[in-house]
């Protein structure tokens, strides 16, 4: 249950972080490639392409990373303890 809970938390936090990173990458892309602002094309490019890709990738990575972190066995016994 702990693994599933942390995976869901990682999914949500990863989606938020991925969306922010996607928007930043989209803004960088339109600046570097001089994308046209005609009728909001650059905004649609950022918010309909880069942000969803960032959300999906961030959610998957966040769930995998926190799920793997929770799955690690962290029970150590001291020498001589039964």
N, C-alpha and C. Protein backbone atom coordinates (compact mmCIF):
# COMPACT_ATOMS: atom_id res chain seq x y z
N UNK A 1 0.82 -1.19 0.00
CA UNK A 1 0.00 0.00 0.00
C UNK A 1 0.86 1.25 0.00
N UNK A 2 2.00 1.17 0.69
CA UNK A 2 2.91 2.29 0.75
C UNK A 2 3.47 2.60 -0.64
N UNK A 3 3.77 1.56 -1.41
CA UNK A 3 4.31 1.74 -2.76
C UNK A 3 3.28 2.43 -3.65
N UNK A 4 2.04 1.98 -3.60
CA UNK A 4 0.99 2.58 -4.43
C UNK A 4 0.73 4.03 -4.03
N UNK A 5 0.73 4.30 -2.75
CA UNK A 5 0.50 5.67 -2.28
C UNK A 5 1.58 6.62 -2.74
N UNK A 6 2.83 6.20 -2.59
CA UNK A 6 3.92 7.06 -3.04
C UNK A 6 3.95 7.18 -4.55
N UNK A 7 3.55 6.14 -5.27
CA UNK A 7 3.50 6.21 -6.73
C UNK A 7 2.45 7.23 -7.18
N UNK A 8 1.31 7.27 -6.49
CA UNK A 8 0.27 8.25 -6.84
C UNK A 8 0.74 9.67 -6.52
N UNK A 9 1.40 9.84 -5.39
CA UNK A 9 1.95 11.15 -5.05
C UNK A 9 2.99 11.56 -6.08
N UNK A 10 3.85 10.61 -6.47
CA UNK A 10 4.85 10.90 -7.50
C UNK A 10 4.21 11.23 -8.84
N UNK A 11 3.10 10.57 -9.14
CA UNK A 11 2.37 10.85 -10.37
C UNK A 11 1.87 12.29 -10.39
N UNK A 12 1.27 12.72 -9.29
CA UNK A 12 0.73 14.07 -9.22
C UNK A 12 1.82 15.14 -9.21
N UNK A 13 2.84 14.95 -8.39
CA UNK A 13 3.92 15.93 -8.33
C UNK A 13 4.72 15.96 -9.63
N UNK A 14 4.92 14.79 -10.23
CA UNK A 14 5.62 14.73 -11.50
C UNK A 14 4.84 15.41 -12.61
N UNK A 15 3.52 15.27 -12.59
CA UNK A 15 2.70 15.93 -13.61
C UNK A 15 2.78 17.45 -13.48
N UNK A 16 2.76 17.94 -12.27
CA UNK A 16 2.86 19.39 -12.05
C UNK A 16 4.23 19.89 -12.50
N UNK A 17 5.28 19.23 -12.06
CA UNK A 17 6.64 19.65 -12.44
C UNK A 17 6.85 19.50 -13.94
N UNK A 18 6.35 18.43 -14.52
CA UNK A 18 6.49 18.23 -15.95
C UNK A 18 5.76 19.28 -16.76
N UNK A 19 4.58 19.68 -16.30
CA UNK A 19 3.85 20.74 -16.98
C UNK A 19 4.59 22.06 -16.95
N UNK A 20 5.17 22.39 -15.80
CA UNK A 20 5.94 23.63 -15.68
C UNK A 20 7.17 23.57 -16.58
N UNK A 21 7.88 22.45 -16.57
CA UNK A 21 9.06 22.30 -17.42
C UNK A 21 8.67 22.33 -18.89
N UNK A 22 7.54 21.72 -19.23
CA UNK A 22 7.06 21.75 -20.61
C UNK A 22 6.74 23.15 -21.09
N UNK A 23 6.10 23.94 -20.24
CA UNK A 23 5.79 25.33 -20.60
C UNK A 23 7.08 26.13 -20.79
N UNK A 24 8.02 25.96 -19.89
CA UNK A 24 9.31 26.66 -20.01
C UNK A 24 10.04 26.25 -21.28
N UNK A 25 10.03 24.95 -21.58
CA UNK A 25 10.67 24.47 -22.82
C UNK A 25 9.95 25.02 -24.04
N UNK A 26 8.63 25.12 -23.98
CA UNK A 26 7.87 25.68 -25.09
C UNK A 26 8.19 27.15 -25.31
N UNK A 27 8.28 27.92 -24.23
CA UNK A 27 8.64 29.33 -24.36
C UNK A 27 10.04 29.48 -24.94
N UNK A 28 10.96 28.64 -24.49
CA UNK A 28 12.31 28.66 -25.03
C UNK A 28 12.29 28.31 -26.53
N UNK A 29 11.47 27.33 -26.90
CA UNK A 29 11.38 26.93 -28.30
C UNK A 29 10.88 28.07 -29.19
N UNK A 30 9.84 28.78 -28.74
CA UNK A 30 9.30 29.84 -29.59
C UNK A 30 10.26 31.02 -29.67
N UNK A 31 11.07 31.23 -28.65
CA UNK A 31 12.06 32.31 -28.70
C UNK A 31 13.20 31.94 -29.65
N UNK A 32 13.71 30.72 -29.53
CA UNK A 32 14.84 30.28 -30.34
C UNK A 32 14.45 30.14 -31.80
N UNK A 33 13.27 29.56 -32.07
CA UNK A 33 12.88 29.31 -33.46
C UNK A 33 12.08 30.45 -34.09
N UNK A 34 11.87 31.54 -33.35
CA UNK A 34 11.14 32.72 -33.85
C UNK A 34 9.77 32.32 -34.41
N UNK A 35 9.00 31.59 -33.62
CA UNK A 35 7.67 31.16 -34.02
C UNK A 35 6.73 32.35 -34.12
N UNK A 36 5.89 32.33 -35.12
CA UNK A 36 4.95 33.43 -35.38
C UNK A 36 3.93 33.56 -34.24
N UNK A 37 3.60 34.79 -33.90
CA UNK A 37 2.56 35.06 -32.90
C UNK A 37 1.22 35.32 -33.55
N UNK A 38 1.11 35.14 -34.84
CA UNK A 38 -0.12 35.44 -35.57
C UNK A 38 -1.26 34.57 -35.05
N UNK A 39 -2.33 35.21 -34.60
CA UNK A 39 -3.54 34.58 -34.07
C UNK A 39 -3.24 33.57 -32.95
N UNK A 40 -2.25 33.85 -32.16
CA UNK A 40 -1.96 33.02 -31.00
C UNK A 40 -1.30 31.69 -31.30
N UNK A 41 -0.64 31.59 -32.45
CA UNK A 41 -0.03 30.31 -32.83
C UNK A 41 1.01 29.85 -31.82
N UNK A 42 1.85 30.78 -31.35
CA UNK A 42 2.91 30.38 -30.43
C UNK A 42 2.32 29.91 -29.09
N UNK A 43 1.27 30.55 -28.63
CA UNK A 43 0.62 30.11 -27.39
C UNK A 43 -0.01 28.75 -27.52
N UNK A 44 -0.65 28.51 -28.67
CA UNK A 44 -1.24 27.18 -28.89
C UNK A 44 -0.16 26.11 -28.97
N UNK A 45 0.97 26.46 -29.57
CA UNK A 45 2.08 25.51 -29.66
C UNK A 45 2.57 25.13 -28.27
N UNK A 46 2.74 26.12 -27.41
CA UNK A 46 3.23 25.85 -26.06
C UNK A 46 2.22 25.05 -25.25
N UNK A 47 0.98 25.49 -25.21
CA UNK A 47 0.00 24.91 -24.30
C UNK A 47 -0.72 23.68 -24.85
N UNK A 48 -0.63 23.43 -26.14
CA UNK A 48 -1.27 22.24 -26.70
C UNK A 48 -0.27 21.18 -27.15
N UNK A 49 1.02 21.51 -27.12
CA UNK A 49 2.04 20.53 -27.51
C UNK A 49 3.03 20.27 -26.38
N UNK A 50 3.74 21.31 -25.97
CA UNK A 50 4.81 21.13 -24.99
C UNK A 50 4.29 20.80 -23.60
N UNK A 51 3.24 21.48 -23.16
CA UNK A 51 2.72 21.22 -21.82
C UNK A 51 2.17 19.81 -21.66
N UNK A 52 1.34 19.29 -22.57
CA UNK A 52 0.86 17.91 -22.40
C UNK A 52 1.98 16.87 -22.44
N UNK A 53 2.96 17.08 -23.31
CA UNK A 53 4.10 16.15 -23.36
C UNK A 53 4.84 16.19 -22.03
N UNK A 54 5.07 17.38 -21.49
CA UNK A 54 5.74 17.51 -20.20
C UNK A 54 4.95 16.87 -19.07
N UNK A 55 3.63 17.01 -19.10
CA UNK A 55 2.79 16.41 -18.06
C UNK A 55 2.89 14.89 -18.09
N UNK A 56 2.79 14.31 -19.28
CA UNK A 56 2.83 12.85 -19.39
C UNK A 56 4.19 12.30 -18.97
N UNK A 57 5.25 12.90 -19.48
CA UNK A 57 6.60 12.42 -19.15
C UNK A 57 6.89 12.62 -17.66
N UNK A 58 6.53 13.78 -17.12
CA UNK A 58 6.76 14.05 -15.70
C UNK A 58 5.96 13.13 -14.79
N UNK A 59 4.72 12.84 -15.16
CA UNK A 59 3.89 11.95 -14.35
C UNK A 59 4.47 10.54 -14.34
N UNK A 60 4.88 10.05 -15.50
CA UNK A 60 5.45 8.70 -15.55
C UNK A 60 6.75 8.62 -14.77
N UNK A 61 7.62 9.59 -14.97
CA UNK A 61 8.90 9.56 -14.24
C UNK A 61 8.69 9.73 -12.73
N UNK A 62 7.80 10.61 -12.33
CA UNK A 62 7.53 10.80 -10.91
C UNK A 62 6.98 9.54 -10.25
N UNK A 63 6.05 8.86 -10.92
CA UNK A 63 5.48 7.63 -10.37
C UNK A 63 6.52 6.53 -10.30
N UNK A 64 7.34 6.41 -11.32
CA UNK A 64 8.36 5.36 -11.34
C UNK A 64 9.41 5.62 -10.27
N UNK A 65 9.86 6.86 -10.16
CA UNK A 65 10.92 7.18 -9.20
C UNK A 65 10.44 7.01 -7.76
N UNK A 66 9.28 7.57 -7.42
CA UNK A 66 8.80 7.43 -6.04
C UNK A 66 8.33 6.01 -5.74
N UNK A 67 7.79 5.31 -6.74
CA UNK A 67 7.42 3.91 -6.53
C UNK A 67 8.64 3.04 -6.28
N UNK A 68 9.71 3.28 -7.03
CA UNK A 68 10.95 2.53 -6.82
C UNK A 68 11.58 2.87 -5.47
N UNK A 69 11.46 4.14 -5.09
CA UNK A 69 11.99 4.55 -3.78
C UNK A 69 11.24 3.85 -2.65
N UNK A 70 9.93 3.71 -2.79
CA UNK A 70 9.13 3.06 -1.75
C UNK A 70 9.35 1.56 -1.75
N UNK A 71 9.69 0.99 -2.89
CA UNK A 71 9.85 -0.46 -2.99
C UNK A 71 11.17 -0.95 -2.40
N UNK A 72 12.12 -0.04 -2.27
CA UNK A 72 13.41 -0.47 -1.70
C UNK A 72 13.22 -0.93 -0.27
N UNK A 73 13.88 -2.00 0.08
CA UNK A 73 13.78 -2.52 1.45
C UNK A 73 14.77 -1.77 2.32
N UNK A 74 14.25 -1.03 3.26
CA UNK A 74 15.10 -0.23 4.14
C UNK A 74 15.13 -0.78 5.57
N UNK A 75 14.88 -2.07 5.72
CA UNK A 75 14.90 -2.64 7.06
C UNK A 75 16.28 -3.23 7.31
N UNK A 76 16.95 -2.65 8.23
CA UNK A 76 18.29 -3.13 8.62
C UNK A 76 18.21 -3.59 10.06
N UNK A 77 18.83 -4.70 10.32
CA UNK A 77 18.88 -5.17 11.71
C UNK A 77 20.31 -5.02 12.21
N UNK A 78 20.43 -4.64 13.45
CA UNK A 78 21.76 -4.48 14.02
C UNK A 78 22.37 -5.84 14.29
N UNK A 79 23.69 -5.92 14.26
CA UNK A 79 24.36 -7.21 14.51
C UNK A 79 24.03 -7.73 15.91
N UNK A 80 23.69 -8.97 15.99
CA UNK A 80 23.39 -9.58 17.26
C UNK A 80 21.93 -9.47 17.66
N UNK A 81 21.14 -8.69 16.95
CA UNK A 81 19.72 -8.56 17.28
C UNK A 81 18.94 -9.65 16.54
N UNK A 82 18.03 -10.29 17.23
CA UNK A 82 17.23 -11.34 16.59
C UNK A 82 15.85 -10.87 16.41
